[in-house]
Amino acid sequence: MSKTAFLLSGALLSLSACALEAQPNYTVTYPVGVDANNTMAYLMNWDSAEKVDSVVVSDGVVKFEGHIDAPMIGRLMVNGKRGPIFIVENGNIEISQDGNSAGTPLNDKFTASKKRMSDIVKEFNSLDRNDSIQAVKAKGLLNEYESLPSKTYADNKDNLLGLYMYMQGAYELPLSQVDADMASNPVLANSKQLQALRNTLAVQAETGVGKHYKDFTVEYNGKKEAFSSYVKPGRYTIVDFWASWCGPCVRQLKVIKELYAKYKDK
């Protein structure tokens, strides 16, 4: 084989591989009704809040088709309204009108978990908690309901269903626990939502009740002012953060000025 023919063959193989990689490997179908026809629907990355794809609703159905290299947690936005959350993965994903997803392994697990939580609520509400026997059963159901997200996470630590379930209780966790969980699980460590929450918890830990304030400096008209220059030992300092576009903030300035006039000497 000549060098030219060899190079051409290699190029054709590369093109074939690229074409194969570009082949759609998932579809998402969601019936929304003909009233939504000709409106825009978006497929969002739930974790990063980025738009992944868009389509126009036709025949009362939202349908996405595309290629994904790794699964992601998706969310549909239809005509400006938030829609179902599901797992975008290889396969044909069917989302029912009530928002349940099916057709792929993680979506089947996700829907089974949501169904169990719904069944627990129904059974709990049917019980007479004034009856001692039923009250015990109700307590057991409540414990199961509260522990189900963490149990589902424990069973799915290596996939995105685990991440979604972890996030359901993450806002109640201390910073130390979040740090330990992120260090031990790459799925959590790579989550944009959890990274943002972790940063928020870190700021709260640094500026919470009993912590020394964090000094900062602002510059206006060429003059720099440090927050620390206004804080006097043994005196209270009220700090008001506001924005010019915030109507209630601007109206509150009058009250702040009145408080200052009344208490500035104290």
Protein backbone atom coordinates (compact mmCIF):
# COMPACT_ATOMS: atom_id res chain seq x y z
CA MET A 1 0.00 0.00 0.00
CA SER A 2 1.33 3.45 -0.89
CA LYS A 3 1.93 6.07 1.79
CA THR A 4 -0.85 8.22 0.29
CA ALA A 5 -3.31 5.33 0.34
CA PHE A 6 -2.33 4.50 3.93
CA LEU A 7 -2.87 8.09 5.08
CA LEU A 8 -6.21 8.23 3.25
CA SER A 9 -7.31 5.00 4.88
CA GLY A 10 -6.39 6.37 8.32
CA ALA A 11 -8.31 9.57 7.65
CA LEU A 12 -11.39 7.60 6.61
CA LEU A 13 -11.20 5.50 9.76
CA SER A 14 -10.98 8.67 11.87
CA LEU A 15 -13.99 10.13 10.09
CA SER A 16 -15.91 6.90 10.64
CA ALA A 17 -15.08 6.95 14.34
CA CYS A 18 -16.20 10.59 14.64
CA ALA A 19 -19.44 9.80 12.83
CA LEU A 20 -20.04 6.86 15.14
CA GLU A 21 -19.43 9.00 18.22
CA ALA A 22 -21.92 11.59 16.94
CA GLN A 23 -24.72 9.02 16.59
CA PRO A 24 -27.63 9.74 18.97
CA ASN A 25 -27.58 7.41 21.95
CA TYR A 26 -30.53 8.74 23.92
CA THR A 27 -34.03 10.04 23.38
CA VAL A 28 -36.32 11.81 25.86
CA THR A 29 -40.08 11.93 25.27
CA TYR A 30 -42.48 13.92 27.44
CA PRO A 31 -46.20 14.52 26.63
CA VAL A 32 -47.25 18.06 27.57
CA GLY A 33 -50.49 18.54 25.60
CA VAL A 34 -51.33 20.44 22.43
CA ASP A 35 -51.76 23.70 24.36
CA ALA A 36 -47.96 23.84 24.55
CA ASN A 37 -47.48 23.48 20.78
CA ASN A 38 -44.99 25.91 19.21
CA THR A 39 -43.50 26.84 22.59
CA MET A 40 -39.85 26.29 23.48
CA ALA A 41 -38.65 23.38 25.58
CA TYR A 42 -35.14 23.16 27.00
CA LEU A 43 -33.10 20.27 28.29
CA MET A 44 -31.10 21.56 31.23
CA ASN A 45 -28.19 20.12 33.14
CA TRP A 46 -29.72 20.05 36.64
CA ASP A 47 -26.34 20.13 38.37
CA SER A 48 -24.78 23.03 36.45
CA ALA A 49 -28.02 24.81 35.34
CA GLU A 50 -26.64 24.95 31.78
CA LYS A 51 -28.84 24.57 28.71
CA VAL A 52 -27.96 21.40 26.83
CA ASP A 53 -30.51 21.42 23.99
CA SER A 54 -33.74 23.07 22.84
CA VAL A 55 -36.73 22.02 20.73
CA VAL A 56 -40.11 23.42 19.74
CA VAL A 57 -43.07 21.48 21.14
CA SER A 58 -44.90 19.67 18.35
CA ASP A 59 -48.05 17.51 18.49
CA GLY A 60 -48.21 18.07 22.22
CA VAL A 61 -44.91 16.24 22.82
CA VAL A 62 -41.44 17.32 23.86
CA LYS A 63 -38.82 15.11 22.24
CA PHE A 64 -35.06 15.37 22.56
CA GLU A 65 -32.53 13.23 20.74
CA GLY A 66 -28.81 13.46 21.19
CA HIS A 67 -25.49 11.96 22.12
CA ILE A 68 -24.07 11.95 25.62
CA ASP A 69 -20.67 10.61 26.63
CA ALA A 70 -21.53 10.31 30.32
CA PRO A 71 -24.88 10.38 32.16
CA MET A 72 -26.15 13.63 33.64
CA ILE A 73 -29.08 14.72 35.76
CA GLY A 74 -31.48 16.48 33.42
CA ARG A 75 -34.37 18.84 33.92
CA LEU A 76 -36.96 19.92 31.38
CA MET A 77 -38.11 23.51 31.02
CA VAL A 78 -41.28 23.94 28.96
CA ASN A 79 -42.63 27.37 28.04
CA GLY A 80 -40.62 28.94 30.85
CA LYS A 81 -41.85 26.52 33.52
CA ARG A 82 -39.82 23.93 35.37
CA GLY A 83 -40.54 20.35 34.39
CA PRO A 84 -39.49 16.87 35.52
CA ILE A 85 -36.06 15.89 36.80
CA PHE A 86 -34.62 12.63 35.45
CA ILE A 87 -31.36 10.92 34.47
CA VAL A 88 -30.10 11.46 30.92
CA GLU A 89 -28.38 8.21 29.98
CA ASN A 90 -28.02 5.83 27.07
CA GLY A 91 -31.47 4.60 25.98
CA ASN A 92 -35.02 5.70 25.28
CA ILE A 93 -36.35 7.67 28.24
CA GLU A 94 -40.12 8.01 28.57
CA ILE A 95 -41.43 10.65 30.98
CA SER A 96 -45.08 10.41 31.97
CA GLN A 97 -47.37 13.41 32.48
CA ASP A 98 -46.92 13.07 36.26
CA GLY A 99 -43.15 13.50 35.82
CA ASN A 100 -42.01 9.93 36.39
CA SER A 101 -39.27 8.65 34.10
CA ALA A 102 -38.72 5.12 32.84
CA GLY A 103 -36.96 3.10 30.16
CA THR A 104 -33.37 3.10 31.45
CA PRO A 105 -31.81 1.56 34.58
CA LEU A 106 -31.28 4.72 36.64
CA ASN A 107 -34.63 6.22 35.68
CA ASP A 108 -36.42 3.02 36.68
CA LYS A 109 -34.63 3.15 40.05
CA PHE A 110 -35.42 6.86 40.43
CA THR A 111 -39.14 6.33 39.80
CA ALA A 112 -39.26 3.31 42.13
CA SER A 113 -37.74 5.42 44.90
CA LYS A 114 -40.22 8.26 44.36
CA LYS A 115 -43.10 5.78 44.28
CA ARG A 116 -42.04 4.28 47.60
CA MET A 117 -41.94 7.73 49.18
CA SER A 118 -45.39 8.49 47.79
CA ASP A 119 -46.75 5.17 49.08
CA ILE A 120 -45.34 5.89 52.55
CA VAL A 121 -47.10 9.27 52.62
CA LYS A 122 -50.41 7.72 51.60
CA GLU A 123 -50.17 4.96 54.19
CA PHE A 124 -49.05 7.42 56.89
CA ASN A 125 -52.00 9.71 56.22
CA SER A 126 -54.43 6.79 56.37
CA LEU A 127 -53.43 5.88 59.92
CA ASP A 128 -55.15 7.01 63.11
CA ARG A 129 -52.25 8.34 65.17
CA ASN A 130 -54.48 8.47 68.25
CA ASP A 131 -54.56 4.66 68.19
CA SER A 132 -51.49 3.33 70.00
CA ILE A 133 -50.87 0.46 67.57
CA GLN A 134 -51.30 2.63 64.47
CA ALA A 135 -49.19 5.37 66.07
CA VAL A 136 -46.26 2.94 66.35
CA LYS A 137 -46.71 1.99 62.70
CA ALA A 138 -46.87 5.67 61.75
CA LYS A 139 -43.59 6.32 63.54
CA GLY A 140 -41.94 3.49 61.65
CA LEU A 141 -43.20 4.88 58.33
CA LEU A 142 -41.92 8.33 59.22
CA ASN A 143 -38.49 6.91 60.03
CA GLU A 144 -38.44 5.03 56.72
CA TYR A 145 -39.49 8.16 54.81
CA GLU A 146 -36.76 10.27 56.39
CA SER A 147 -34.07 7.64 55.85
CA LEU A 148 -35.01 6.68 52.28
CA PRO A 149 -32.88 9.38 50.53
CA SER A 150 -29.77 8.43 52.52
CA LYS A 151 -30.42 4.71 51.94
CA THR A 152 -30.86 5.30 48.21
CA TYR A 153 -27.62 7.30 48.20
CA ALA A 154 -25.80 4.48 49.99
CA ASP A 155 -27.00 2.04 47.34
CA ASN A 156 -26.04 4.37 44.46
CA LYS A 157 -22.85 6.13 45.54
CA ASP A 158 -21.23 5.49 42.18
CA ASN A 159 -23.92 7.11 40.02
CA LEU A 160 -25.98 10.28 39.62
CA LEU A 161 -29.06 8.93 41.36
CA GLY A 162 -26.89 8.80 44.46
CA LEU A 163 -25.84 12.42 43.94
CA TYR A 164 -29.44 13.59 43.58
CA MET A 165 -30.51 11.76 46.73
CA TYR A 166 -27.49 13.04 48.66
CA MET A 167 -28.42 16.62 47.75
CA GLN A 168 -31.88 16.15 49.27
CA GLY A 169 -30.32 16.21 52.74
CA ALA A 170 -27.04 18.00 52.07
CA TYR A 171 -28.29 21.40 53.22
CA GLU A 172 -28.73 20.04 56.75
CA LEU A 173 -25.21 18.60 56.99
CA PRO A 174 -22.25 20.25 58.72
CA LEU A 175 -19.28 21.39 56.65
CA SER A 176 -17.06 18.66 58.10
CA GLN A 177 -19.45 15.93 56.92
CA VAL A 178 -19.75 17.42 53.41
CA ASP A 179 -15.96 17.67 53.15
CA ALA A 180 -15.53 14.05 54.24
CA ASP A 181 -18.19 12.81 51.81
CA MET A 182 -16.72 14.77 48.89
CA ALA A 183 -13.24 13.48 49.68
CA SER A 184 -14.43 9.87 49.60
CA ASN A 185 -16.75 10.06 46.57
CA PRO A 186 -15.70 11.50 43.17
CA VAL A 187 -19.35 11.72 42.06
CA LEU A 188 -20.01 14.19 44.88
CA ALA A 189 -16.69 15.99 44.44
CA ASN A 190 -17.49 16.75 40.78
CA SER A 191 -20.97 18.14 41.48
CA LYS A 192 -21.33 21.87 40.75
CA GLN A 193 -24.28 22.15 43.15
CA LEU A 194 -22.43 20.48 45.99
CA GLN A 195 -19.31 22.58 45.37
CA ALA A 196 -21.45 25.73 45.64
CA LEU A 197 -23.12 24.46 48.81
CA ARG A 198 -19.75 23.57 50.28
CA ASN A 199 -18.51 27.14 49.65
CA THR A 200 -21.64 28.55 51.28
CA LEU A 201 -21.16 26.35 54.34
CA ALA A 202 -17.53 27.45 54.54
CA VAL A 203 -18.54 31.12 54.53
CA GLN A 204 -21.19 30.46 57.17
CA ALA A 205 -18.61 28.72 59.33
CA GLU A 206 -16.30 31.74 59.05
CA THR A 207 -18.95 34.39 59.66
CA GLY A 208 -21.51 32.70 61.91
CA VAL A 209 -22.67 33.76 65.35
CA GLY A 210 -19.72 34.23 67.70
CA LYS A 211 -17.16 34.53 64.90
CA HIS A 212 -15.06 37.63 64.39
CA TYR A 213 -16.21 39.67 61.42
CA LYS A 214 -14.28 39.51 58.15
CA ASP A 215 -12.84 42.86 57.21
CA PHE A 216 -13.20 44.20 53.67
CA THR A 217 -12.40 47.38 51.75
CA VAL A 218 -14.40 49.24 49.12
CA GLU A 219 -13.35 52.10 46.88
CA TYR A 220 -15.61 54.97 45.84
CA ASN A 221 -14.56 58.14 44.00
CA GLY A 222 -10.93 57.19 44.50
CA LYS A 223 -11.24 56.85 48.27
CA LYS A 224 -10.83 53.51 50.03
CA GLU A 225 -12.86 52.70 53.13
CA ALA A 226 -12.26 49.69 55.41
CA PHE A 227 -15.17 48.14 57.27
CA SER A 228 -12.94 47.85 60.36
CA SER A 229 -12.67 51.65 60.56
CA TYR A 230 -16.38 51.82 61.47
CA VAL A 231 -16.37 49.05 64.06
CA LYS A 232 -15.60 50.31 67.56
CA PRO A 233 -14.73 48.00 70.48
CA GLY A 234 -17.56 47.67 72.98
CA ARG A 235 -20.15 49.17 70.64
CA TYR A 236 -22.76 47.63 68.39
CA THR A 237 -22.44 48.16 64.65
CA ILE A 238 -25.38 47.68 62.31
CA VAL A 239 -24.49 46.84 58.71
CA ASP A 240 -27.05 47.22 55.92
CA PHE A 241 -26.34 45.62 52.54
CA TRP A 242 -28.60 47.02 49.84
CA ALA A 243 -28.87 47.55 46.08
CA SER A 244 -30.11 50.50 44.07
CA TRP A 245 -32.48 48.24 42.09
CA CYS A 246 -34.12 46.87 45.26
CA GLY A 247 -37.22 48.96 46.06
CA PRO A 248 -37.67 47.68 49.65
CA CYS A 249 -33.94 48.27 50.30
CA VAL A 250 -34.17 51.89 49.18
CA ARG A 251 -37.32 52.50 51.26
CA GLN A 252 -35.55 51.01 54.28
CA LEU A 253 -32.78 53.65 54.05
CA LYS A 254 -35.15 56.20 55.59
CA VAL A 255 -35.57 53.92 58.60
CA ILE A 256 -31.81 53.37 58.85
CA LYS A 257 -31.24 57.14 58.85
CA GLU A 258 -33.84 57.60 61.59
CA LEU A 259 -32.16 54.92 63.71
CA TYR A 260 -28.80 56.57 63.15
CA ALA A 261 -30.10 59.98 64.21
CA LYS A 262 -31.57 58.46 67.36
CA TYR A 263 -28.69 56.25 68.44
CA LYS A 264 -25.50 57.73 66.90
CA ASP A 265 -24.30 59.09 70.26
CA LYS A 266 -24.78 55.71 71.94
